[in-house]
PDB file of N, CA and C in Angstrom:
ATOM      1  N   MET A   1      23.483 -28.697  -0.373  1.00  0.00           N
ATOM      2  CA  MET A   1      22.548 -27.663  -0.759  1.00  0.00           C
ATOM      3  C   MET A   1      22.584 -26.578   0.328  1.00  0.00           C
ATOM      4  N   ASP A   2      22.762 -25.322  -0.103  1.00  0.00           N
ATOM      5  CA  ASP A   2      22.807 -24.238   0.870  1.00  0.00           C
ATOM      6  C   ASP A   2      21.387 -23.809   1.266  1.00  0.00           C
ATOM      7  N   ASP A   3      21.311 -22.940   2.265  1.00  0.00           N
ATOM      8  CA  ASP A   3      20.020 -22.521   2.815  1.00  0.00           C
ATOM      9  C   ASP A   3      19.163 -21.790   1.776  1.00  0.00           C
ATOM     10  N   LEU A   4      19.783 -20.943   0.965  1.00  0.00           N
ATOM     11  CA  LEU A   4      19.036 -20.186  -0.042  1.00  0.00           C
ATOM     12  C   LEU A   4      18.380 -21.125  -1.046  1.00  0.00           C
ATOM     13  N   GLU A   5      19.141 -22.084  -1.552  1.00  0.00           N
ATOM     14  CA  GLU A   5      18.602 -23.031  -2.524  1.00  0.00           C
ATOM     15  C   GLU A   5      17.492 -23.887  -1.899  1.00  0.00           C
ATOM     16  N   ARG A   6      17.675 -24.290  -0.649  1.00  0.00           N
ATOM     17  CA  ARG A   6      16.660 -25.082   0.043  1.00  0.00           C
ATOM     18  C   ARG A   6      15.356 -24.291   0.169  1.00  0.00           C
ATOM     19  N   ARG A   7      15.450 -23.015   0.534  1.00  0.00           N
ATOM     20  CA  ARG A   7      14.250 -22.187   0.678  1.00  0.00           C
ATOM     21  C   ARG A   7      13.546 -21.995  -0.657  1.00  0.00           C
ATOM     22  N   ILE A   8      14.324 -21.758  -1.712  1.00  0.00           N
ATOM     23  CA  ILE A   8      13.727 -21.594  -3.054  1.00  0.00           C
ATOM     24  C   ILE A   8      13.034 -22.881  -3.467  1.00  0.00           C
ATOM     25  N   ARG A   9      13.694 -24.010  -3.222  1.00  0.00           N
ATOM     26  CA  ARG A   9      13.122 -25.312  -3.583  1.00  0.00           C
ATOM     27  C   ARG A   9      11.798 -25.557  -2.841  1.00  0.00           C
ATOM     28  N   GLU A  10      11.771 -25.234  -1.550  1.00  0.00           N
ATOM     29  CA  GLU A  10      10.546 -25.432  -0.767  1.00  0.00           C
ATOM     30  C   GLU A  10       9.408 -24.548  -1.279  1.00  0.00           C
ATOM     31  N   HIS A  11       9.727 -23.288  -1.580  1.00  0.00           N
ATOM     32  CA  HIS A  11       8.698 -22.393  -2.123  1.00  0.00           C
ATOM     33  C   HIS A  11       8.203 -22.883  -3.480  1.00  0.00           C
ATOM     34  N   ALA A  12       9.119 -23.290  -4.346  1.00  0.00           N
ATOM     35  CA  ALA A  12       8.735 -23.772  -5.674  1.00  0.00           C
ATOM     36  C   ALA A  12       7.846 -25.011  -5.562  1.00  0.00           C
ATOM     37  N   HIS A  13       8.181 -25.903  -4.654  1.00  0.00           N
ATOM     38  CA  HIS A  13       7.375 -27.112  -4.467  1.00  0.00           C
ATOM     39  C   HIS A  13       5.979 -26.752  -3.962  1.00  0.00           C
ATOM     40  N   ARG A  14       5.906 -25.816  -3.016  1.00  0.00           N
ATOM     41  CA  ARG A  14       4.602 -25.392  -2.491  1.00  0.00           C
ATOM     42  C   ARG A  14       3.752 -24.751  -3.597  1.00  0.00           C
ATOM     43  N   ILE A  15       4.382 -23.907  -4.438  1.00  0.00           N
ATOM     44  CA  ILE A  15       3.655 -23.267  -5.547  1.00  0.00           C
ATOM     45  C   ILE A  15       3.161 -24.325  -6.520  1.00  0.00           C
ATOM     46  N   TRP A  16       4.000 -25.300  -6.815  1.00  0.00           N
ATOM     47  CA  TRP A  16       3.633 -26.388  -7.722  1.00  0.00           C
ATOM     48  C   TRP A  16       2.426 -27.144  -7.189  1.00  0.00           C
ATOM     49  N   LEU A  17       2.438 -27.442  -5.878  1.00  0.00           N
ATOM     50  CA  LEU A  17       1.307 -28.145  -5.270  1.00  0.00           C
ATOM     51  C   LEU A  17       0.045 -27.288  -5.302  1.00  0.00           C
ATOM     52  N   GLU A  18       0.171 -25.986  -5.001  1.00  0.00           N
ATOM     53  CA  GLU A  18      -0.999 -25.098  -4.986  1.00  0.00           C
ATOM     54  C   GLU A  18      -1.635 -24.969  -6.367  1.00  0.00           C
ATOM     55  N   GLU A  19      -0.814 -25.093  -7.424  1.00  0.00           N
ATOM     56  CA  GLU A  19      -1.337 -24.987  -8.788  1.00  0.00           C
ATOM     57  C   GLU A  19      -1.867 -26.318  -9.313  1.00  0.00           C
ATOM     58  N   GLY A  20      -1.858 -27.346  -8.484  1.00  0.00           N
ATOM     59  CA  GLY A  20      -2.404 -28.631  -8.903  1.00  0.00           C
ATOM     60  C   GLY A  20      -1.401 -29.523  -9.586  1.00  0.00           C
ATOM     61  N   CYS A  21      -0.131 -29.359  -9.330  1.00  0.00           N
ATOM     62  CA  CYS A  21       0.956 -30.188  -9.856  1.00  0.00           C
ATOM     63  C   CYS A  21       1.024 -30.222 -11.387  1.00  0.00           C
ATOM     64  N   PRO A  22       0.991 -29.040 -12.037  1.00  0.00           N
ATOM     65  CA  PRO A  22       1.056 -29.043 -13.501  1.00  0.00           C
ATOM     66  C   PRO A  22       2.464 -29.363 -13.992  1.00  0.00           C
ATOM     67  N   SER A  23       2.559 -29.900 -15.206  1.00  0.00           N
ATOM     68  CA  SER A  23       3.878 -30.165 -15.777  1.00  0.00           C
ATOM     69  C   SER A  23       4.237 -29.031 -16.739  1.00  0.00           C
ATOM     70  N   GLY A  24       5.529 -28.797 -16.903  1.00  0.00           N
ATOM     71  CA  GLY A  24       5.987 -27.784 -17.850  1.00  0.00           C
ATOM     72  C   GLY A  24       6.049 -26.371 -17.286  1.00  0.00           C
ATOM     73  N   ARG A  25       5.846 -26.178 -15.971  1.00  0.00           N
ATOM     74  CA  ARG A  25       5.867 -24.835 -15.386  1.00  0.00           C
ATOM     75  C   ARG A  25       6.999 -24.690 -14.372  1.00  0.00           C
ATOM     76  N   GLU A  26       8.013 -25.541 -14.497  1.00  0.00           N
ATOM     77  CA  GLU A  26       9.094 -25.536 -13.522  1.00  0.00           C
ATOM     78  C   GLU A  26       9.794 -24.190 -13.444  1.00  0.00           C
ATOM     79  N   GLU A  27      10.118 -23.606 -14.602  1.00  0.00           N
ATOM     80  CA  GLU A  27      10.831 -22.318 -14.626  1.00  0.00           C
ATOM     81  C   GLU A  27      10.005 -21.221 -13.976  1.00  0.00           C
ATOM     82  N   ALA A  28       8.716 -21.190 -14.253  1.00  0.00           N
ATOM     83  CA  ALA A  28       7.846 -20.171 -13.659  1.00  0.00           C
ATOM     84  C   ALA A  28       7.775 -20.337 -12.144  1.00  0.00           C
ATOM     85  N   HIS A  29       7.687 -21.584 -11.694  1.00  0.00           N
ATOM     86  CA  HIS A  29       7.634 -21.837 -10.252  1.00  0.00           C
ATOM     87  C   HIS A  29       8.943 -21.439  -9.570  1.00  0.00           C
ATOM     88  N   TRP A  30      10.065 -21.743 -10.207  1.00  0.00           N
ATOM     89  CA  TRP A  30      11.360 -21.370  -9.633  1.00  0.00           C
ATOM     90  C   TRP A  30      11.501 -19.852  -9.568  1.00  0.00           C
ATOM     91  N   GLU A  31      11.057 -19.153 -10.617  1.00  0.00           N
ATOM     92  CA  GLU A  31      11.159 -17.691 -10.622  1.00  0.00           C
ATOM     93  C   GLU A  31      10.271 -17.079  -9.533  1.00  0.00           C
ATOM     94  N   MET A  32       9.051 -17.588  -9.394  1.00  0.00           N
ATOM     95  CA  MET A  32       8.163 -17.098  -8.327  1.00  0.00           C
ATOM     96  C   MET A  32       8.781 -17.369  -6.958  1.00  0.00           C
ATOM     97  N   ALA A  33       9.371 -18.541  -6.803  1.00  0.00           N
ATOM     98  CA  ALA A  33       9.993 -18.905  -5.528  1.00  0.00           C
ATOM     99  C   ALA A  33      11.186 -18.004  -5.230  1.00  0.00           C
ATOM    100  N   ARG A  34      11.990 -17.692  -6.252  1.00  0.00           N
ATOM    101  CA  ARG A  34      13.124 -16.780  -6.049  1.00  0.00           C
ATOM    102  C   ARG A  34      12.631 -15.406  -5.591  1.00  0.00           C
ATOM    103  N   GLU A  35      11.566 -14.916  -6.201  1.00  0.00           N
ATOM    104  CA  GLU A  35      11.008 -13.617  -5.820  1.00  0.00           C
ATOM    105  C   GLU A  35      10.492 -13.638  -4.384  1.00  0.00           C
ATOM    106  N   LEU A  36       9.820 -14.712  -3.997  1.00  0.00           N
ATOM    107  CA  LEU A  36       9.313 -14.808  -2.628  1.00  0.00           C
ATOM    108  C   LEU A  36      10.445 -14.806  -1.606  1.00  0.00           C
ATOM    109  N   VAL A  37      11.511 -15.525  -1.905  1.00  0.00           N
ATOM    110  CA  VAL A  37      12.660 -15.565  -0.996  1.00  0.00           C
ATOM    111  C   VAL A  37      13.307 -14.185  -0.918  1.00  0.00           C
ATOM    112  N   ALA A  38      13.411 -13.498  -2.043  1.00  0.00           N
ATOM    113  CA  ALA A  38      13.990 -12.149  -2.046  1.00  0.00           C
ATOM    114  C   ALA A  38      13.134 -11.188  -1.231  1.00  0.00           C
ATOM    115  N   ILE A  39      11.818 -11.307  -1.333  1.00  0.00           N
ATOM    116  CA  ILE A  39      10.916 -10.463  -0.541  1.00  0.00           C
ATOM    117  C   ILE A  39      11.095 -10.753   0.943  1.00  0.00           C
ATOM    118  N   GLU A  40      11.156 -12.026   1.296  1.00  0.00           N
ATOM    119  CA  GLU A  40      11.365 -12.393   2.704  1.00  0.00           C
ATOM    120  C   GLU A  40      12.672 -11.818   3.235  1.00  0.00           C
ATOM    121  N   ASP A  41      13.736 -11.948   2.443  1.00  0.00           N
ATOM    122  CA  ASP A  41      15.037 -11.435   2.873  1.00  0.00           C
ATOM    123  C   ASP A  41      15.017  -9.914   2.989  1.00  0.00           C
ATOM    124  N   GLY A  42      14.345  -9.251   2.058  1.00  0.00           N
ATOM    125  CA  GLY A  42      14.251  -7.797   2.111  1.00  0.00           C
ATOM    126  C   GLY A  42      13.500  -7.325   3.336  1.00  0.00           C
ATOM    127  N   GLN A  43      12.420  -8.010   3.672  1.00  0.00           N
ATOM    128  CA  GLN A  43      11.663  -7.640   4.866  1.00  0.00           C
ATOM    129  C   GLN A  43      12.487  -7.873   6.123  1.00  0.00           C
ATOM    130  N   ARG A  44      13.219  -8.961   6.159  1.00  0.00           N
ATOM    131  CA  ARG A  44      14.058  -9.257   7.325  1.00  0.00           C
ATOM    132  C   ARG A  44      15.136  -8.184   7.477  1.00  0.00           C
ATOM    133  N   ASP A  45      15.771  -7.822   6.370  1.00  0.00           N
ATOM    134  CA  ASP A  45      16.832  -6.819   6.430  1.00  0.00           C
ATOM    135  C   ASP A  45      16.291  -5.441   6.786  1.00  0.00           C
ATOM    136  N   ALA A  46      15.084  -5.135   6.339  1.00  0.00           N
ATOM    137  CA  ALA A  46      14.500  -3.815   6.605  1.00  0.00           C
ATOM    138  C   ALA A  46      14.105  -3.644   8.062  1.00  0.00           C
ATOM    139  N   THR A  47      13.884  -4.728   8.767  1.00  0.00           N
ATOM    140  CA  THR A  47      13.474  -4.619  10.163  1.00  0.00           C
ATOM    141  C   THR A  47      14.638  -4.735  11.142  1.00  0.00           C
ATOM    142  N   ARG A  48      15.840  -4.869  10.636  1.00  0.00           N
ATOM    143  CA  ARG A  48      17.012  -4.897  11.512  1.00  0.00           C
ATOM    144  C   ARG A  48      17.283  -3.489  12.031  1.00  0.00           C
ATOM    145  N   PRO A  49      17.851  -3.382  13.233  1.00  0.00           N
ATOM    146  CA  PRO A  49      18.156  -2.051  13.756  1.00  0.00           C
ATOM    147  C   PRO A  49      19.224  -1.349  12.922  1.00  0.00           C
ATOM    148  N   ASN A  50      19.141  -0.026  12.890  1.00  0.00           N
ATOM    149  CA  ASN A  50      20.100   0.786  12.166  1.00  0.00           C
ATOM    150  C   ASN A  50      21.449   0.697  12.871  1.00  0.00           C
ATOM    151  N   PRO A  51      22.511   0.311  12.168  1.00  0.00           N
ATOM    152  CA  PRO A  51      23.814   0.162  12.831  1.00  0.00           C
ATOM    153  C   PRO A  51      24.351   1.485  13.362  1.00  0.00           C
ATOM    154  N   VAL A  52      23.926   2.609  12.809  1.00  0.00           N
ATOM    155  CA  VAL A  52      24.389   3.913  13.272  1.00  0.00           C
ATOM    156  C   VAL A  52      23.774   4.242  14.626  1.00  0.00           C
ATOM    157  N   ALA A  53      22.595   3.723  14.887  1.00  0.00           N
ATOM    158  CA  ALA A  53      21.866   4.082  16.098  1.00  0.00           C
ATOM    159  C   ALA A  53      22.138   3.147  17.273  1.00  0.00           C
ATOM    160  N   THR A  54      23.142   2.294  17.195  1.00  0.00           N
ATOM    161  CA  THR A  54      23.419   1.380  18.305  1.00  0.00           C
ATOM    162  C   THR A  54      23.878   2.147  19.531  1.00  0.00           C
ATOM    163  N   GLU A  55      23.398   1.732  20.641  1.00  0.00           N
ATOM    164  CA  GLU A  55      23.743   2.410  21.889  1.00  0.00           C
ATOM    165  C   GLU A  55      25.048   1.869  22.448  1.00  0.00           C
ATOM    166  N   GLY A  56      25.761   2.717  23.201  1.00  0.00           N
ATOM    167  CA  GLY A  56      26.929   2.261  23.923  1.00  0.00           C
ATOM    168  C   GLY A  56      28.240   2.393  23.188  1.00  0.00           C
ATOM    169  N   GLU A  57      28.237   2.352  21.891  1.00  0.00           N
ATOM    170  CA  GLU A  57      29.483   2.494  21.157  1.00  0.00           C
ATOM    171  C   GLU A  57      29.227   3.261  19.874  1.00  0.00           C
ATOM    172  N   GLU A  58      30.228   3.949  19.417  1.00  0.00           N
ATOM    173  CA  GLU A  58      30.075   4.739  18.199  1.00  0.00           C
ATOM    174  C   GLU A  58      30.326   3.838  16.999  1.00  0.00           C
ATOM    175  N   VAL A  59      29.374   3.793  16.105  1.00  0.00           N
ATOM    176  CA  VAL A  59      29.498   2.989  14.900  1.00  0.00           C
ATOM    177  C   VAL A  59      29.594   3.948  13.731  1.00  0.00           C
ATOM    178  N   ILE A  60      30.611   3.802  12.932  1.00  0.00           N
ATOM    179  CA  ILE A  60      30.775   4.672  11.772  1.00  0.00           C
ATOM    180  C   ILE A  60      30.263   3.911  10.558  1.00  0.00           C
ATOM    181  N   HIS A  61      29.239   4.459   9.959  1.00  0.00           N
ATOM    182  CA  HIS A  61      28.644   3.859   8.777  1.00  0.00           C
ATOM    183  C   HIS A  61      29.431   4.340   7.560  1.00  0.00           C
ATOM    184  N   PRO A  62      29.738   3.480   6.600  1.00  0.00           N
ATOM    185  CA  PRO A  62      30.546   3.899   5.457  1.00  0.00           C
ATOM    186  C   PRO A  62      29.900   4.995   4.611  1.00  0.00           C
ATOM    187  N   GLU A  63      28.588   5.030   4.540  1.00  0.00           N
ATOM    188  CA  GLU A  63      27.880   6.048   3.766  1.00  0.00           C
ATOM    189  C   GLU A  63      26.787   6.641   4.635  1.00  0.00           C
ATOM    190  N   PRO A  64      26.400   7.894   4.374  1.00  0.00           N
ATOM    191  CA  PRO A  64      25.264   8.422   5.118  1.00  0.00           C
ATOM    192  C   PRO A  64      24.011   7.621   4.770  1.00  0.00           C
ATOM    193  N   VAL A  65      23.089   7.552   5.689  1.00  0.00           N
ATOM    194  CA  VAL A  65      21.866   6.794   5.460  1.00  0.00           C
ATOM    195  C   VAL A  65      21.098   7.381   4.290  1.00  0.00           C
ATOM    196  N   GLU A  66      21.052   8.704   4.215  1.00  0.00           N
ATOM    197  CA  GLU A  66      20.418   9.372   3.096  1.00  0.00           C
ATOM    198  C   GLU A  66      21.357  10.468   2.636  1.00  0.00           C
ATOM    199  N   PRO A  67      21.702  10.499   1.344  1.00  0.00           N
ATOM    200  CA  PRO A  67      22.648  11.512   0.899  1.00  0.00           C
ATOM    201  C   PRO A  67      22.100  12.920   1.108  1.00  0.00           C
ATOM    202  N   ALA A  68      22.995  13.853   1.406  1.00  0.00           N
ATOM    203  CA  ALA A  68      22.583  15.228   1.687  1.00  0.00           C
ATOM    204  C   ALA A  68      21.871  15.852   0.490  1.00  0.00           C
ATOM    205  N   GLU A  69      22.247  15.464  -0.727  1.00  0.00           N
ATOM    206  CA  GLU A  69      21.615  16.032  -1.917  1.00  0.00           C
ATOM    207  C   GLU A  69      20.118  15.730  -1.957  1.00  0.00           C
ATOM    208  N   ALA A  70      19.712  14.644  -1.335  1.00  0.00           N
ATOM    209  CA  ALA A  70      18.303  14.251  -1.361  1.00  0.00           C
ATOM    210  C   ALA A  70      17.434  15.183  -0.539  1.00  0.00           C
ATOM    211  N   VAL A  71      17.997  15.842   0.466  1.00  0.00           N
ATOM    212  CA  VAL A  71      17.187  16.700   1.325  1.00  0.00           C
ATOM    213  C   VAL A  71      17.506  18.181   1.182  1.00  0.00           C
ATOM    214  N   GLU A  72      18.547  18.527   0.451  1.00  0.00           N
ATOM    215  CA  GLU A  72      18.929  19.932   0.324  1.00  0.00           C
ATOM    216  C   GLU A  72      17.861  20.781  -0.333  1.00  0.00           C
ATOM    217  N   GLY A  73      17.246  20.305  -1.393  1.00  0.00           N
ATOM    218  CA  GLY A  73      16.310  21.132  -2.151  1.00  0.00           C
ATOM    219  C   GLY A  73      14.862  20.785  -1.944  1.00  0.00           C
ATOM    220  N   LEU A  74      14.504  20.238  -0.815  1.00  0.00           N
ATOM    221  CA  LEU A  74      13.116  19.819  -0.611  1.00  0.00           C
ATOM    222  C   LEU A  74      12.126  20.977  -0.707  1.00  0.00           C
ATOM    223  N   GLY A  75      12.511  22.184  -0.311  1.00  0.00           N
ATOM    224  CA  GLY A  75      11.577  23.303  -0.353  1.00  0.00           C
ATOM    225  C   GLY A  75      11.572  24.045  -1.664  1.00  0.00           C
ATOM    226  N   ASP A  76      12.389  23.644  -2.624  1.00  0.00           N
ATOM    227  CA  ASP A  76      12.501  24.379  -3.873  1.00  0.00           C
ATOM    228  C   ASP A  76      11.301  24.202  -4.791  1.00  0.00           C
ATOM    229  N   LEU A  77      10.725  23.041  -4.814  1.00  0.00           N
ATOM    230  CA  LEU A  77       9.605  22.787  -5.708  1.00  0.00           C
ATOM    231  C   LEU A  77       8.289  22.967  -4.965  1.00  0.00           C
ATOM    232  N   PRO A  78       7.321  23.573  -5.625  1.00  0.00           N
ATOM    233  CA  PRO A  78       6.047  23.760  -4.936  1.00  0.00           C
ATOM    234  C   PRO A  78       5.344  22.433  -4.722  1.00  0.00           C
ATOM    235  N   GLY A  79       4.728  22.321  -3.591  1.00  0.00           N
ATOM    236  CA  GLY A  79       3.938  21.127  -3.322  1.00  0.00           C
ATOM    237  C   GLY A  79       2.538  21.307  -3.866  1.00  0.00           C
ATOM    238  N   ARG A  80       1.747  20.332  -3.703  1.00  0.00           N
ATOM    239  CA  ARG A  80       0.397  20.384  -4.237  1.00  0.00           C
ATOM    240  C   ARG A  80      -0.403  21.537  -3.633  1.00  0.00           C
ATOM    241  N   THR A  81      -0.230  21.799  -2.348  1.00  0.00           N
ATOM    242  CA  THR A  81      -0.992  22.874  -1.722  1.00  0.00           C
ATOM    243  C   THR A  81      -0.460  24.241  -2.124  1.00  0.00           C
ATOM    244  N   ASP A  82       0.820  24.349  -2.475  1.00  0.00           N
ATOM    245  CA  ASP A  82       1.391  25.637  -2.854  1.00  0.00           C
ATOM    246  C   ASP A  82       0.905  26.108  -4.217  1.00  0.00           C
ATOM    247  N   GLN A  83       0.519  25.210  -5.075  1.00  0.00           N
ATOM    248  CA  GLN A  83       0.205  25.565  -6.447  1.00  0.00           C
ATOM    249  C   GLN A  83      -1.048  26.412  -6.572  1.00  0.00           C
ATOM    250  N   SER A  84      -1.984  26.247  -5.671  1.00  0.00           N
ATOM    251  CA  SER A  84      -3.226  26.992  -5.848  1.00  0.00           C
ATOM    252  C   SER A  84      -3.547  27.882  -4.656  1.00  0.00           C
ATOM    253  N   GLU A  85      -2.585  28.153  -3.804  1.00  0.00           N
ATOM    254  CA  GLU A  85      -2.862  29.005  -2.659  1.00  0.00           C
ATOM    255  C   GLU A  85      -3.290  30.383  -3.117  1.00  0.00           C
ATOM    256  N   GLY A  86      -4.379  30.871  -2.550  1.00  0.00           N
ATOM    257  CA  GLY A  86      -4.837  32.223  -2.842  1.00  0.00           C
ATOM    258  C   GLY A  86      -5.495  32.382  -4.195  1.00  0.00           C
ATOM    259  N   ARG A  87      -5.683  31.325  -4.929  1.00  0.00           N
ATOM    260  CA  ARG A  87      -6.316  31.427  -6.248  1.00  0.00           C
ATOM    261  C   ARG A  87      -7.699  30.791  -6.191  1.00  0.00           C
ATOM    262  N   ASP A  88      -8.691  31.611  -6.128  1.00  0.00           N
ATOM    263  CA  ASP A  88     -10.058  31.113  -6.261  1.00  0.00           C
ATOM    264  C   ASP A  88     -10.477  31.380  -7.692  1.00  0.00           C
ATOM    265  N   TYR A  89     -10.872  30.353  -8.370  1.00  0.00           N
ATOM    266  CA  TYR A  89     -11.253  30.524  -9.763  1.00  0.00           C
ATOM    267  C   TYR A  89     -12.599  31.240  -9.830  1.00  0.00           C
ATOM    268  N   PRO A  90     -12.757  32.173 -10.772  1.00  0.00           N
ATOM    269  CA  PRO A  90     -14.008  32.944 -10.855  1.00  0.00           C
ATOM    270  C   PRO A  90     -15.180  32.050 -11.228  1.00  0.00           C
ATOM    271  N   LYS A  91     -16.308  32.379 -10.662  1.00  0.00           N
ATOM    272  CA  LYS A  91     -17.534  31.653 -10.984  1.00  0.00           C
ATOM    273  C   LYS A  91     -18.310  32.468 -12.000  1.00  0.00           C
ATOM    274  N   ARG A  92     -18.963  31.795 -12.883  1.00  0.00           N
ATOM    275  CA  ARG A  92     -19.764  32.492 -13.893  1.00  0.00           C
ATOM    276  C   ARG A  92     -21.039  32.991 -13.254  1.00  0.00           C
ATOM    277  N   LYS A  93     -21.332  34.234 -13.494  1.00  0.00           N
ATOM    278  CA  LYS A  93     -22.549  34.833 -12.961  1.00  0.00           C
ATOM    279  C   LYS A  93     -23.552  35.032 -14.079  1.00  0.00           C
ATOM    280  N   GLY A  94     -24.798  34.764 -13.770  1.00  0.00           N
ATOM    281  CA  GLY A  94     -25.868  35.042 -14.705  1.00  0.00           C
ATOM    282  C   GLY A  94     -25.985  34.074 -15.858  1.00  0.00           C
ATOM    283  N   ARG A  95     -25.197  33.055 -15.919  1.00  0.00           N
ATOM    284  CA  ARG A  95     -25.292  32.095 -17.001  1.00  0.00           C
ATOM    285  C   ARG A  95     -25.703  30.753 -16.416  1.00  0.00           C
ATOM    286  N   ARG A  96     -26.626  30.129 -17.097  1.00  0.00           N
ATOM    287  CA  ARG A  96     -27.063  28.795 -16.676  1.00  0.00           C
ATOM    288  C   ARG A  96     -26.392  27.772 -17.563  1.00  0.00           C
ATOM    289  N   PRO A  97     -26.163  26.587 -17.015  1.00  0.00           N
ATOM    290  CA  PRO A  97     -25.575  25.527 -17.852  1.00  0.00           C
ATOM    291  C   PRO A  97     -26.456  25.205 -19.035  1.00  0.00           C
ATOM    292  N   ALA A  98     -25.858  24.800 -20.119  1.00  0.00           N
ATOM    293  CA  ALA A  98     -26.602  24.451 -21.345  1.00  0.00           C
ATOM    294  C   ALA A  98     -27.595  23.344 -21.064  1.00  0.00           C
ATOM    295  N   GLY A  99     -28.760  23.464 -21.696  1.00  0.00           N
ATOM    296  CA  GLY A  99     -29.775  22.429 -21.559  1.00  0.00           C
ATOM    297  C   GLY A  99     -30.771  22.707 -20.442  1.00  0.00           C
ATOM    298  N   ARG A 100     -30.545  23.728 -19.652  1.00  0.00           N
ATOM    299  CA  ARG A 100     -31.495  24.067 -18.581  1.00  0.00           C
ATOM    300  C   ARG A 100     -32.169  25.389 -18.906  1.00  0.00           C
ATOM    301  N   SER A 101     -33.429  25.511 -18.538  1.00  0.00           N
ATOM    302  CA  SER A 101     -34.123  26.774 -18.792  1.00  0.00           C
ATOM    303  C   SER A 101     -34.720  27.338 -17.533  1.00  0.00           C
TER     304      SER A 101
END
């Protein structure tokens, strides 16, 4: 049994115990366990140092960390604050809300 399968099995067993050892939920427990292992692996991978930023030697990354197209047009679309700059909506004068006298 490899490490991945062992971890999934341990998580599935723990979930089964936490749910009170029900029968007929094996597939659901295995799927939840697979998701938990994937989350753990994703968190571990996300906290590893960036290989491009290693000190002492030049590391060539096969792809840019973020494609240039993703940042080229950032200023093209108005942001939330740009949409209403300088526009004060007129207030009604001399009229009272309905129902008040």
